[in-house]
């Protein structure tokens, strides 16, 4: 599904923040991405959710060469990707329901189907009583759960999550990780960036480690 070959990334005329990255993610795979702060995890994710193109090298996603592809193909590719951002990226003027429903509406789902799926998922993530609440009136942990629900509601081909359990208590973090496991069983490819070193030990999936912009592979715990 995804292949990086000799990929480098720099911002402007500054030094490279990613160097010679080699990465291959098969369809239906599940990986953790770990590394210290400043290692380049967010930069790597930004390439994967098509926020930017590489400075050099080849990035192929869903059979498309991203480096040379026209921007007109990006919206269609992005609809196949779910993203949980560390700072949520929720729309403050929309309710919880409407934030989570957005991917289904963009995809043209029927209103009845949208309502049933969104309400069921909000109950699962413990937000059944926050359906009509807007993000400015929610806690950080509640916003995190809205962001996760919005990312998974459309069962994307690829799910990228940046610290998805960072603001959650242990019980809710466990619940969301089980949700990710179920998505993976249904065929979604997952890449979870985390500082929580216990997650790879509890959920036995391969680990990718970024350090000073260089990507390495660790043995599955």
N, C-alpha and C. Protein backbone atom coordinates (compact mmCIF):
# COMPACT_ATOMS: atom_id res chain seq x y z
N UNK A 1 0.82 -1.21 0.00
CA UNK A 1 0.00 0.00 0.00
C UNK A 1 0.86 1.26 0.00
N UNK A 2 1.95 1.25 0.76
CA UNK A 2 2.80 2.44 0.90
C UNK A 2 4.26 2.03 0.74
N UNK A 3 5.01 2.82 -0.04
CA UNK A 3 6.44 2.56 -0.18
C UNK A 3 7.20 3.88 -0.22
N UNK A 4 8.19 4.01 0.66
CA UNK A 4 9.12 5.13 0.65
C UNK A 4 10.48 4.59 0.20
N UNK A 5 11.11 5.28 -0.75
CA UNK A 5 12.44 4.88 -1.21
C UNK A 5 13.35 6.11 -1.19
N UNK A 6 14.37 6.04 -0.31
CA UNK A 6 15.39 7.10 -0.24
C UNK A 6 14.76 8.47 -0.03
N UNK A 7 13.78 8.55 0.86
CA UNK A 7 13.01 9.78 1.05
C UNK A 7 13.71 10.73 2.02
N UNK A 8 13.81 11.98 1.62
CA UNK A 8 14.29 13.04 2.49
C UNK A 8 13.28 14.17 2.54
N UNK A 9 13.24 14.88 3.67
CA UNK A 9 12.32 16.01 3.83
C UNK A 9 13.02 17.12 4.57
N UNK A 10 12.92 18.33 4.03
CA UNK A 10 13.40 19.52 4.73
C UNK A 10 12.35 20.60 4.59
N UNK A 11 12.38 21.54 5.55
CA UNK A 11 11.48 22.69 5.52
C UNK A 11 12.25 23.89 5.02
N UNK A 12 11.83 24.42 3.86
CA UNK A 12 12.54 25.57 3.31
C UNK A 12 13.97 25.22 2.98
N UNK A 13 14.88 26.10 3.39
CA UNK A 13 16.30 25.88 3.14
C UNK A 13 17.02 25.29 4.34
N UNK A 14 16.27 24.83 5.34
CA UNK A 14 16.87 24.27 6.54
C UNK A 14 17.42 22.87 6.32
N UNK A 15 17.99 22.29 7.36
CA UNK A 15 18.54 20.93 7.24
C UNK A 15 17.43 19.90 7.09
N UNK A 16 17.78 18.73 6.58
CA UNK A 16 16.79 17.67 6.45
C UNK A 16 16.32 17.19 7.82
N UNK A 17 15.00 17.00 7.94
CA UNK A 17 14.44 16.44 9.18
C UNK A 17 14.17 14.94 9.03
N UNK A 18 14.13 14.45 7.79
CA UNK A 18 14.07 13.02 7.51
C UNK A 18 15.16 12.70 6.50
N UNK A 19 15.90 11.60 6.73
CA UNK A 19 17.02 11.25 5.86
C UNK A 19 16.88 9.83 5.34
N UNK A 20 16.88 9.68 4.03
CA UNK A 20 17.00 8.37 3.39
C UNK A 20 16.04 7.34 3.99
N UNK A 21 14.78 7.74 4.15
CA UNK A 21 13.79 6.85 4.77
C UNK A 21 13.38 5.76 3.78
N UNK A 22 13.47 4.53 4.23
CA UNK A 22 12.99 3.37 3.49
C UNK A 22 11.85 2.74 4.30
N UNK A 23 10.68 2.64 3.68
CA UNK A 23 9.50 2.17 4.42
C UNK A 23 8.58 1.43 3.47
N UNK A 24 8.07 0.29 3.91
CA UNK A 24 7.09 -0.45 3.14
C UNK A 24 6.00 -0.94 4.08
N UNK A 25 4.77 -0.49 3.84
CA UNK A 25 3.63 -0.92 4.64
C UNK A 25 2.68 -1.71 3.75
N UNK A 26 2.51 -2.99 4.08
CA UNK A 26 1.60 -3.83 3.32
C UNK A 26 0.15 -3.53 3.71
N UNK A 27 -0.76 -3.77 2.79
CA UNK A 27 -2.17 -3.60 3.09
C UNK A 27 -2.57 -4.53 4.23
N UNK A 28 -3.27 -3.97 5.24
CA UNK A 28 -3.71 -4.75 6.38
C UNK A 28 -2.68 -4.91 7.48
N UNK A 29 -1.52 -4.24 7.37
CA UNK A 29 -0.49 -4.33 8.40
C UNK A 29 -0.79 -3.36 9.55
N UNK A 30 -0.06 -3.52 10.63
CA UNK A 30 -0.25 -2.70 11.84
C UNK A 30 1.13 -2.46 12.43
N UNK A 31 1.54 -1.19 12.54
CA UNK A 31 2.85 -0.83 13.08
C UNK A 31 2.72 0.26 14.13
N UNK A 32 3.62 0.23 15.08
CA UNK A 32 3.82 1.36 15.99
C UNK A 32 5.03 2.16 15.50
N UNK A 33 4.94 3.48 15.68
CA UNK A 33 6.04 4.39 15.34
C UNK A 33 6.48 5.06 16.63
N UNK A 34 7.72 4.84 17.03
CA UNK A 34 8.22 5.38 18.29
C UNK A 34 9.48 6.20 18.03
N UNK A 35 9.88 6.95 19.05
CA UNK A 35 11.07 7.78 18.95
C UNK A 35 10.96 8.98 19.85
N UNK A 36 12.08 9.60 20.20
CA UNK A 36 12.06 10.75 21.10
C UNK A 36 11.42 11.97 20.44
N UNK A 37 11.08 12.96 21.25
CA UNK A 37 10.55 14.21 20.71
C UNK A 37 11.58 14.84 19.77
N UNK A 38 11.10 15.34 18.65
CA UNK A 38 12.00 15.95 17.68
C UNK A 38 12.64 14.97 16.73
N UNK A 39 12.27 13.69 16.82
CA UNK A 39 12.89 12.67 15.96
C UNK A 39 12.38 12.73 14.53
N UNK A 40 11.19 13.34 14.33
CA UNK A 40 10.64 13.43 12.98
C UNK A 40 9.35 12.66 12.78
N UNK A 41 8.72 12.18 13.88
CA UNK A 41 7.50 11.37 13.74
C UNK A 41 6.38 12.17 13.06
N UNK A 42 6.16 13.40 13.51
CA UNK A 42 5.09 14.21 12.92
C UNK A 42 5.38 14.54 11.46
N UNK A 43 6.66 14.73 11.14
CA UNK A 43 7.03 15.00 9.74
C UNK A 43 6.75 13.79 8.86
N UNK A 44 7.07 12.60 9.37
CA UNK A 44 6.79 11.39 8.60
C UNK A 44 5.29 11.22 8.40
N UNK A 45 4.52 11.46 9.45
CA UNK A 45 3.06 11.35 9.33
C UNK A 45 2.51 12.36 8.33
N UNK A 46 3.09 13.56 8.29
CA UNK A 46 2.60 14.58 7.36
C UNK A 46 2.78 14.14 5.91
N UNK A 47 3.83 13.38 5.63
CA UNK A 47 3.98 12.81 4.29
C UNK A 47 2.92 11.75 4.02
N UNK A 48 2.60 10.98 5.03
CA UNK A 48 1.65 9.89 4.86
C UNK A 48 0.21 10.38 4.71
N UNK A 49 -0.14 11.49 5.37
CA UNK A 49 -1.51 11.99 5.15
C UNK A 49 -1.53 13.12 4.11
N UNK A 50 -0.47 13.20 3.32
CA UNK A 50 -0.42 14.04 2.12
C UNK A 50 -0.53 15.53 2.42
N UNK A 51 -0.03 15.94 3.59
CA UNK A 51 0.03 17.37 3.88
C UNK A 51 1.20 18.03 3.15
N UNK A 52 2.20 17.23 2.79
CA UNK A 52 3.36 17.76 2.05
C UNK A 52 3.97 16.65 1.20
N UNK A 53 4.79 17.07 0.26
CA UNK A 53 5.51 16.12 -0.59
C UNK A 53 6.95 16.00 -0.10
N UNK A 54 7.60 14.89 -0.41
CA UNK A 54 9.00 14.75 0.01
C UNK A 54 9.90 15.72 -0.75
N UNK A 55 11.00 16.12 -0.13
CA UNK A 55 11.99 16.95 -0.81
C UNK A 55 12.73 16.14 -1.85
N UNK A 56 12.97 14.87 -1.56
CA UNK A 56 13.62 13.97 -2.51
C UNK A 56 13.15 12.55 -2.24
N UNK A 57 13.41 11.68 -3.19
CA UNK A 57 13.02 10.29 -3.05
C UNK A 57 11.65 10.01 -3.62
N UNK A 58 11.22 8.76 -3.48
CA UNK A 58 9.97 8.28 -4.05
C UNK A 58 9.01 7.88 -2.94
N UNK A 59 7.79 8.42 -3.00
CA UNK A 59 6.70 8.00 -2.13
C UNK A 59 5.57 7.48 -3.00
N UNK A 60 5.22 6.22 -2.82
CA UNK A 60 4.12 5.62 -3.56
C UNK A 60 3.03 5.23 -2.57
N UNK A 61 1.79 5.71 -2.80
CA UNK A 61 0.65 5.39 -1.95
C UNK A 61 -0.52 4.99 -2.82
N UNK A 62 -1.12 3.83 -2.51
CA UNK A 62 -2.26 3.33 -3.28
C UNK A 62 -1.93 3.28 -4.78
N UNK A 63 -0.67 2.97 -5.11
CA UNK A 63 -0.25 2.86 -6.49
C UNK A 63 0.03 4.18 -7.18
N UNK A 64 0.02 5.28 -6.43
CA UNK A 64 0.21 6.61 -7.02
C UNK A 64 1.54 7.20 -6.56
N UNK A 65 2.34 7.71 -7.51
CA UNK A 65 3.60 8.38 -7.18
C UNK A 65 3.27 9.77 -6.65
N UNK A 66 3.43 9.98 -5.34
CA UNK A 66 3.01 11.22 -4.70
C UNK A 66 3.88 12.40 -5.11
N UNK A 67 5.17 12.15 -5.32
CA UNK A 67 6.09 13.24 -5.64
C UNK A 67 5.71 13.95 -6.94
N UNK A 68 5.19 13.19 -7.91
CA UNK A 68 4.90 13.77 -9.22
C UNK A 68 3.41 13.89 -9.52
N UNK A 69 2.55 13.40 -8.62
CA UNK A 69 1.11 13.39 -8.89
C UNK A 69 0.54 14.81 -8.89
N UNK A 70 -0.42 15.10 -9.77
CA UNK A 70 -1.09 16.40 -9.73
C UNK A 70 -1.92 16.53 -8.46
N UNK A 71 -2.06 17.74 -7.97
CA UNK A 71 -2.82 17.95 -6.74
C UNK A 71 -4.27 17.53 -6.87
N UNK A 72 -4.77 17.41 -8.08
CA UNK A 72 -6.16 17.05 -8.28
C UNK A 72 -6.48 15.64 -7.79
N UNK A 73 -5.45 14.78 -7.67
CA UNK A 73 -5.72 13.41 -7.21
C UNK A 73 -5.69 13.31 -5.69
N UNK A 74 -5.18 14.34 -5.00
CA UNK A 74 -5.01 14.24 -3.56
C UNK A 74 -6.33 14.12 -2.79
N UNK A 75 -7.40 14.87 -3.12
CA UNK A 75 -8.64 14.72 -2.34
C UNK A 75 -9.17 13.29 -2.35
N UNK A 76 -9.12 12.62 -3.48
CA UNK A 76 -9.57 11.24 -3.54
C UNK A 76 -8.72 10.31 -2.70
N UNK A 77 -7.41 10.53 -2.70
CA UNK A 77 -6.52 9.71 -1.87
C UNK A 77 -6.76 9.98 -0.39
N UNK A 78 -6.94 11.26 -0.03
CA UNK A 78 -7.13 11.60 1.39
C UNK A 78 -8.41 10.98 1.96
N UNK A 79 -9.42 10.78 1.11
CA UNK A 79 -10.66 10.18 1.60
C UNK A 79 -10.45 8.73 2.01
N UNK A 80 -9.34 8.14 1.61
CA UNK A 80 -9.03 6.76 1.99
C UNK A 80 -8.20 6.70 3.27
N UNK A 81 -7.88 7.87 3.85
CA UNK A 81 -6.99 7.95 5.01
C UNK A 81 -7.74 8.58 6.19
N UNK A 82 -7.69 7.93 7.34
CA UNK A 82 -8.18 8.52 8.58
C UNK A 82 -6.99 8.98 9.41
N UNK A 83 -7.12 10.15 10.02
CA UNK A 83 -6.00 10.72 10.79
C UNK A 83 -6.49 11.17 12.16
N UNK A 84 -5.78 10.76 13.21
CA UNK A 84 -6.00 11.28 14.56
C UNK A 84 -4.83 12.21 14.85
N UNK A 85 -5.11 13.51 14.83
CA UNK A 85 -4.06 14.50 15.07
C UNK A 85 -3.85 14.69 16.57
N UNK A 86 -2.60 14.98 16.93
CA UNK A 86 -2.28 15.19 18.34
C UNK A 86 -3.00 16.41 18.90
N UNK A 87 -3.24 17.43 18.05
CA UNK A 87 -3.97 18.61 18.51
C UNK A 87 -5.41 18.62 17.99
N UNK A 88 -5.92 17.44 17.65
CA UNK A 88 -7.32 17.15 17.38
C UNK A 88 -7.81 17.63 16.00
N UNK A 89 -7.60 18.92 15.64
CA UNK A 89 -8.08 19.46 14.37
C UNK A 89 -9.60 19.34 14.23
N UNK A 90 -10.33 19.52 15.32
CA UNK A 90 -11.79 19.51 15.26
C UNK A 90 -12.29 20.87 14.79
N UNK A 91 -13.51 20.89 14.26
CA UNK A 91 -14.14 22.14 13.83
C UNK A 91 -14.98 22.67 14.97
N UNK A 92 -14.56 23.80 15.56
CA UNK A 92 -15.16 24.30 16.78
C UNK A 92 -16.62 24.70 16.64
N UNK A 93 -17.05 25.04 15.42
CA UNK A 93 -18.44 25.49 15.24
C UNK A 93 -19.40 24.32 15.04
N UNK A 94 -18.86 23.09 14.95
CA UNK A 94 -19.70 21.91 14.77
C UNK A 94 -19.85 21.15 16.09
N UNK A 95 -20.97 20.48 16.25
CA UNK A 95 -21.17 19.63 17.42
C UNK A 95 -20.32 18.36 17.30
N UNK A 96 -20.27 17.61 18.39
CA UNK A 96 -19.59 16.32 18.37
C UNK A 96 -20.14 15.44 17.26
N UNK A 97 -21.46 15.36 17.17
CA UNK A 97 -22.09 14.54 16.13
C UNK A 97 -21.63 14.96 14.74
N UNK A 98 -21.67 16.25 14.47
CA UNK A 98 -21.34 16.72 13.12
C UNK A 98 -19.86 16.60 12.80
N UNK A 99 -18.99 16.74 13.80
CA UNK A 99 -17.56 16.51 13.56
C UNK A 99 -17.32 15.07 13.15
N UNK A 100 -17.94 14.13 13.86
CA UNK A 100 -17.72 12.71 13.57
C UNK A 100 -18.40 12.31 12.26
N UNK A 101 -19.54 12.92 11.96
CA UNK A 101 -20.29 12.56 10.75
C UNK A 101 -19.64 13.08 9.47
N UNK A 102 -18.73 14.03 9.60
CA UNK A 102 -18.20 14.72 8.42
C UNK A 102 -17.65 13.77 7.35
N UNK A 103 -16.80 12.78 7.69
CA UNK A 103 -16.28 11.89 6.63
C UNK A 103 -17.38 11.12 5.91
N UNK A 104 -18.44 10.72 6.63
CA UNK A 104 -19.53 10.00 5.98
C UNK A 104 -20.31 10.91 5.05
N UNK A 105 -20.49 12.15 5.44
CA UNK A 105 -21.21 13.09 4.58
C UNK A 105 -20.41 13.39 3.32
N UNK A 106 -19.10 13.55 3.47
CA UNK A 106 -18.26 13.78 2.30
C UNK A 106 -18.33 12.59 1.34
N UNK A 107 -18.45 11.38 1.91
CA UNK A 107 -18.53 10.17 1.09
C UNK A 107 -19.91 9.94 0.49
N UNK A 108 -20.90 10.75 0.90
CA UNK A 108 -22.24 10.63 0.32
C UNK A 108 -23.11 9.58 0.97
N UNK A 109 -22.85 9.23 2.23
CA UNK A 109 -23.66 8.23 2.92
C UNK A 109 -25.07 8.76 3.17
N UNK A 110 -26.05 7.86 3.27
CA UNK A 110 -27.44 8.24 3.52
C UNK A 110 -27.59 8.79 4.93
N UNK A 111 -28.46 9.79 5.13
CA UNK A 111 -28.62 10.40 6.47
C UNK A 111 -28.94 9.40 7.56
N UNK A 112 -29.81 8.43 7.29
CA UNK A 112 -30.14 7.44 8.31
C UNK A 112 -28.95 6.59 8.70
N UNK A 113 -28.16 6.21 7.70
CA UNK A 113 -26.95 5.43 7.96
C UNK A 113 -25.96 6.24 8.78
N UNK A 114 -25.81 7.52 8.44
CA UNK A 114 -24.90 8.38 9.18
C UNK A 114 -25.30 8.45 10.64
N UNK A 115 -26.59 8.71 10.88
CA UNK A 115 -27.05 8.85 12.27
C UNK A 115 -26.79 7.58 13.07
N UNK A 116 -27.15 6.43 12.51
CA UNK A 116 -26.98 5.17 13.24
C UNK A 116 -25.51 4.90 13.56
N UNK A 117 -24.64 5.07 12.56
CA UNK A 117 -23.23 4.75 12.75
C UNK A 117 -22.57 5.72 13.74
N UNK A 118 -22.88 7.02 13.61
CA UNK A 118 -22.25 8.00 14.48
C UNK A 118 -22.69 7.80 15.93
N UNK A 119 -23.99 7.61 16.16
CA UNK A 119 -24.47 7.44 17.54
C UNK A 119 -23.91 6.18 18.17
N UNK A 120 -23.82 5.11 17.39
CA UNK A 120 -23.27 3.86 17.92
C UNK A 120 -21.80 4.04 18.32
N UNK A 121 -21.03 4.71 17.47
CA UNK A 121 -19.61 4.89 17.76
C UNK A 121 -19.41 5.83 18.94
N UNK A 122 -20.22 6.89 19.04
CA UNK A 122 -20.07 7.81 20.16
C UNK A 122 -20.39 7.11 21.49
N UNK A 123 -21.36 6.21 21.48
CA UNK A 123 -21.61 5.43 22.69
C UNK A 123 -20.39 4.59 23.05
N UNK A 124 -19.76 3.99 22.03
CA UNK A 124 -18.61 3.11 22.26
C UNK A 124 -17.46 3.87 22.89
N UNK A 125 -17.23 5.13 22.46
CA UNK A 125 -16.10 5.90 23.00
C UNK A 125 -16.52 6.73 24.22
N UNK A 126 -17.70 6.48 24.75
CA UNK A 126 -18.13 7.13 25.99
C UNK A 126 -18.57 8.56 25.84
N UNK A 127 -19.08 8.91 24.65
CA UNK A 127 -19.52 10.29 24.40
C UNK A 127 -20.98 10.35 24.00
N UNK A 128 -21.75 9.35 24.41
CA UNK A 128 -23.16 9.34 24.06
C UNK A 128 -23.93 10.52 24.64
N UNK A 129 -23.41 11.11 25.71
CA UNK A 129 -24.08 12.26 26.33
C UNK A 129 -23.49 13.59 25.87
N UNK A 130 -22.59 13.56 24.86
CA UNK A 130 -21.94 14.77 24.37
C UNK A 130 -22.26 15.02 22.89
N UNK A 131 -23.33 14.43 22.40
CA UNK A 131 -23.64 14.48 20.97
C UNK A 131 -23.78 15.91 20.46
N UNK A 132 -24.39 16.77 21.25
CA UNK A 132 -24.68 18.14 20.79
C UNK A 132 -23.71 19.18 21.35
N UNK A 133 -22.62 18.74 21.95
CA UNK A 133 -21.65 19.65 22.55
C UNK A 133 -20.59 20.02 21.51
N UNK A 134 -20.16 21.28 21.52
CA UNK A 134 -19.10 21.73 20.61
C UNK A 134 -17.73 21.62 21.29
N UNK A 135 -16.66 21.47 20.52
CA UNK A 135 -15.32 21.25 21.08
C UNK A 135 -14.87 22.27 22.13
N UNK A 136 -15.18 23.58 22.01
CA UNK A 136 -14.70 24.50 23.04
C UNK A 136 -15.22 24.20 24.44
N UNK A 137 -16.27 23.40 24.54
CA UNK A 137 -16.87 23.10 25.83
C UNK A 137 -16.56 21.67 26.28
N UNK A 138 -15.49 21.10 25.72
CA UNK A 138 -15.11 19.74 26.06
C UNK A 138 -13.70 19.71 26.64
N UNK A 139 -13.42 18.67 27.41
CA UNK A 139 -12.08 18.47 27.96
C UNK A 139 -11.15 17.94 26.88
N UNK A 140 -9.84 17.93 27.18
CA UNK A 140 -8.87 17.40 26.22
C UNK A 140 -9.11 15.94 25.91
N UNK A 141 -9.45 15.14 26.93
CA UNK A 141 -9.70 13.73 26.70
C UNK A 141 -10.94 13.49 25.85
N UNK A 142 -11.97 14.33 26.06
CA UNK A 142 -13.18 14.21 25.24
C UNK A 142 -12.90 14.58 23.79
N UNK A 143 -12.13 15.65 23.58
CA UNK A 143 -11.76 16.02 22.21
C UNK A 143 -10.96 14.91 21.54
N UNK A 144 -10.09 14.27 22.32
CA UNK A 144 -9.29 13.17 21.77
C UNK A 144 -10.19 12.05 21.27
N UNK A 145 -11.23 11.73 22.04
CA UNK A 145 -12.13 10.65 21.64
C UNK A 145 -12.96 11.05 20.42
N UNK A 146 -13.34 12.33 20.33
CA UNK A 146 -14.04 12.79 19.12
C UNK A 146 -13.13 12.63 17.91
N UNK A 147 -11.86 13.02 18.06
CA UNK A 147 -10.91 12.92 16.95
C UNK A 147 -10.73 11.48 16.50
N UNK A 148 -10.67 10.55 17.46
CA UNK A 148 -10.55 9.13 17.11
C UNK A 148 -11.80 8.65 16.38
N UNK A 149 -12.97 9.01 16.92
CA UNK A 149 -14.22 8.58 16.29
C UNK A 149 -14.34 9.10 14.86
N UNK A 150 -13.98 10.36 14.65
CA UNK A 150 -14.04 10.93 13.30
C UNK A 150 -13.08 10.19 12.34
N UNK A 151 -11.92 9.80 12.85
CA UNK A 151 -10.92 9.14 12.00
C UNK A 151 -11.35 7.74 11.59
N UNK A 152 -12.08 7.04 12.46
CA UNK A 152 -12.39 5.63 12.18
C UNK A 152 -13.78 5.43 11.61
N UNK A 153 -14.66 6.43 11.64
CA UNK A 153 -16.06 6.24 11.30
C UNK A 153 -16.25 5.69 9.89
N UNK A 154 -15.38 6.09 8.96
CA UNK A 154 -15.54 5.65 7.58
C UNK A 154 -14.78 4.38 7.24
N UNK A 155 -14.24 3.69 8.26
CA UNK A 155 -13.41 2.50 8.04
C UNK A 155 -12.39 2.74 6.92
N UNK A 156 -11.44 3.66 7.15
CA UNK A 156 -10.49 4.03 6.10
C UNK A 156 -9.56 2.88 5.73
N UNK A 157 -8.98 2.99 4.55
CA UNK A 157 -7.98 1.99 4.14
C UNK A 157 -6.71 2.13 4.98
N UNK A 158 -6.39 3.36 5.38
CA UNK A 158 -5.18 3.65 6.16
C UNK A 158 -5.57 4.54 7.32
N UNK A 159 -5.18 4.16 8.54
CA UNK A 159 -5.41 4.99 9.72
C UNK A 159 -4.07 5.39 10.32
N UNK A 160 -3.86 6.68 10.46
CA UNK A 160 -2.66 7.24 11.09
C UNK A 160 -3.09 7.92 12.39
N UNK A 161 -2.41 7.63 13.47
CA UNK A 161 -2.80 8.20 14.76
C UNK A 161 -1.55 8.71 15.48
N UNK A 162 -1.58 9.98 15.85
CA UNK A 162 -0.47 10.63 16.54
C UNK A 162 -0.82 10.77 18.02
N UNK A 163 -0.23 9.92 18.86
CA UNK A 163 -0.49 9.89 20.30
C UNK A 163 -1.99 9.78 20.59
N UNK A 164 -2.68 8.76 20.07
CA UNK A 164 -4.14 8.69 20.23
C UNK A 164 -4.62 8.44 21.65
N UNK A 165 -3.73 7.95 22.53
CA UNK A 165 -4.15 7.68 23.91
C UNK A 165 -3.54 8.66 24.89
N UNK A 166 -2.92 9.73 24.41
CA UNK A 166 -2.14 10.62 25.27
C UNK A 166 -2.93 11.32 26.36
N UNK A 167 -4.21 11.64 26.12
CA UNK A 167 -5.01 12.38 27.11
C UNK A 167 -6.11 11.53 27.73
N UNK A 168 -5.96 10.20 27.66
CA UNK A 168 -7.02 9.31 28.11
C UNK A 168 -6.60 8.52 29.34
N UNK A 169 -7.60 8.17 30.17
CA UNK A 169 -7.28 7.29 31.30
C UNK A 169 -7.05 5.88 30.77
N UNK A 170 -6.54 5.03 31.64
CA UNK A 170 -6.10 3.71 31.20
C UNK A 170 -7.24 2.89 30.61
N UNK A 171 -8.43 2.96 31.22
CA UNK A 171 -9.56 2.16 30.75
C UNK A 171 -10.00 2.59 29.36
N UNK A 172 -10.10 3.90 29.12
CA UNK A 172 -10.53 4.38 27.82
C UNK A 172 -9.45 4.16 26.77
N UNK A 173 -8.19 4.30 27.16
CA UNK A 173 -7.09 4.02 26.22
C UNK A 173 -7.17 2.57 25.76
N UNK A 174 -7.41 1.65 26.70
CA UNK A 174 -7.54 0.24 26.36
C UNK A 174 -8.71 0.02 25.40
N UNK A 175 -9.81 0.71 25.65
CA UNK A 175 -11.00 0.55 24.80
C UNK A 175 -10.71 1.01 23.37
N UNK A 176 -10.04 2.14 23.24
CA UNK A 176 -9.74 2.65 21.91
C UNK A 176 -8.73 1.76 21.18
N UNK A 177 -7.77 1.24 21.92
CA UNK A 177 -6.81 0.34 21.28
C UNK A 177 -7.50 -0.92 20.78
N UNK A 178 -8.51 -1.40 21.51
CA UNK A 178 -9.28 -2.56 21.04
C UNK A 178 -10.08 -2.20 19.79
N UNK A 179 -10.54 -0.96 19.71
CA UNK A 179 -11.23 -0.51 18.50
C UNK A 179 -10.27 -0.53 17.31
N UNK A 180 -9.04 -0.07 17.52
CA UNK A 180 -8.03 -0.12 16.45
C UNK A 180 -7.76 -1.56 16.03
N UNK A 181 -7.68 -2.46 17.01
CA UNK A 181 -7.45 -3.86 16.69
C UNK A 181 -8.56 -4.42 15.80
N UNK A 182 -9.81 -4.05 16.11
CA UNK A 182 -10.94 -4.53 15.32
C UNK A 182 -10.90 -3.96 13.92
N UNK A 183 -10.57 -2.68 13.79
CA UNK A 183 -10.43 -2.08 12.46
C UNK A 183 -9.38 -2.83 11.65
N UNK A 184 -8.26 -3.15 12.28
CA UNK A 184 -7.20 -3.87 11.59
C UNK A 184 -7.66 -5.25 11.14
N UNK A 185 -8.44 -5.93 11.98
CA UNK A 185 -8.97 -7.24 11.59
C UNK A 185 -9.88 -7.13 10.37
N UNK A 186 -10.52 -5.97 10.21
CA UNK A 186 -11.42 -5.77 9.08
C UNK A 186 -10.68 -5.25 7.84
N UNK A 187 -9.34 -5.08 7.95
CA UNK A 187 -8.55 -4.77 6.78
C UNK A 187 -7.87 -3.42 6.75
N UNK A 188 -8.13 -2.56 7.74
CA UNK A 188 -7.49 -1.25 7.77
C UNK A 188 -6.01 -1.37 8.13
N UNK A 189 -5.17 -0.66 7.40
CA UNK A 189 -3.74 -0.58 7.71
C UNK A 189 -3.54 0.51 8.76
N UNK A 190 -2.80 0.23 9.83
CA UNK A 190 -2.63 1.18 10.92
C UNK A 190 -1.17 1.51 11.16
N UNK A 191 -0.93 2.80 11.47
CA UNK A 191 0.37 3.26 11.95
C UNK A 191 0.10 4.17 13.13
N UNK A 192 0.54 3.76 14.32
CA UNK A 192 0.26 4.47 15.56
C UNK A 192 1.56 5.06 16.10
N UNK A 193 1.66 6.39 16.12
CA UNK A 193 2.82 7.06 16.71
C UNK A 193 2.57 7.26 18.19
N UNK A 194 3.51 6.86 19.03
CA UNK A 194 3.28 6.95 20.47
C UNK A 194 4.58 7.09 21.24
N UNK A 195 4.47 7.77 22.39
CA UNK A 195 5.56 7.80 23.37
C UNK A 195 5.37 6.70 24.42
N UNK A 196 4.20 6.06 24.42
CA UNK A 196 3.87 5.06 25.43
C UNK A 196 4.52 3.73 25.05
N UNK A 197 5.64 3.42 25.67
CA UNK A 197 6.38 2.21 25.31
C UNK A 197 5.67 0.93 25.73
N UNK A 198 4.62 1.06 26.55
CA UNK A 198 3.90 -0.14 26.96
C UNK A 198 2.98 -0.66 25.85
N UNK A 199 2.56 0.22 24.94
CA UNK A 199 1.61 -0.21 23.91
C UNK A 199 2.19 -1.30 23.00
N UNK A 200 3.42 -1.14 22.48
CA UNK A 200 3.95 -2.24 21.66
C UNK A 200 4.12 -3.55 22.41
N UNK A 201 4.30 -3.47 23.74
CA UNK A 201 4.45 -4.70 24.53
C UNK A 201 3.10 -5.37 24.77
N UNK A 202 2.03 -4.56 24.84
CA UNK A 202 0.70 -5.12 25.10
C UNK A 202 0.00 -5.56 23.82
N UNK A 203 0.26 -4.84 22.74
CA UNK A 203 -0.37 -5.16 21.45
C UNK A 203 0.77 -5.49 20.49
N UNK A 204 0.95 -6.75 20.22
CA UNK A 204 2.19 -7.24 19.63
C UNK A 204 2.23 -7.01 18.13
N UNK A 205 2.66 -5.81 17.74
CA UNK A 205 2.80 -5.45 16.33
C UNK A 205 4.21 -4.90 16.10
N UNK A 206 4.70 -4.95 14.88
CA UNK A 206 6.05 -4.47 14.58
C UNK A 206 6.23 -2.99 14.96
N UNK A 207 7.46 -2.65 15.30
CA UNK A 207 7.79 -1.30 15.76
C UNK A 207 8.77 -0.65 14.78
N UNK A 208 8.44 0.57 14.37
CA UNK A 208 9.34 1.42 13.59
C UNK A 208 9.88 2.48 14.52
N UNK A 209 11.19 2.71 14.50
CA UNK A 209 11.79 3.71 15.39
C UNK A 209 12.46 4.81 14.58
N UNK A 210 12.06 6.05 14.87
CA UNK A 210 12.70 7.22 14.28
C UNK A 210 13.64 7.84 15.30
N UNK A 211 14.84 8.14 14.85
CA UNK A 211 15.81 8.80 15.72
C UNK A 211 16.64 9.74 14.86
N UNK A 212 16.54 11.04 15.15
CA UNK A 212 17.27 12.07 14.40
C UNK A 212 17.01 11.95 12.89
N UNK A 213 15.75 11.69 12.55
CA UNK A 213 15.34 11.67 11.16
C UNK A 213 15.62 10.39 10.41
N UNK A 214 16.18 9.39 11.09
CA UNK A 214 16.48 8.12 10.44
C UNK A 214 15.55 7.04 10.97
N UNK A 215 15.02 6.21 10.05
CA UNK A 215 14.04 5.20 10.40
C UNK A 215 14.67 3.84 10.49
N UNK A 216 14.41 3.16 11.60
CA UNK A 216 14.87 1.79 11.77
C UNK A 216 13.71 0.88 12.13
N UNK A 217 13.94 -0.42 12.06
CA UNK A 217 12.92 -1.41 12.35
C UNK A 217 13.37 -2.23 13.56
N UNK A 218 12.44 -2.42 14.49
CA UNK A 218 12.72 -3.26 15.65
C UNK A 218 11.96 -4.56 15.54
N UNK A 219 12.42 -5.56 16.27
CA UNK A 219 11.72 -6.83 16.29
C UNK A 219 10.37 -6.65 16.98
N UNK A 220 9.39 -7.41 16.55
CA UNK A 220 8.10 -7.39 17.21
C UNK A 220 8.29 -7.84 18.66
N UNK A 221 7.73 -7.08 19.64
CA UNK A 221 7.92 -7.48 21.05
C UNK A 221 7.43 -8.88 21.31
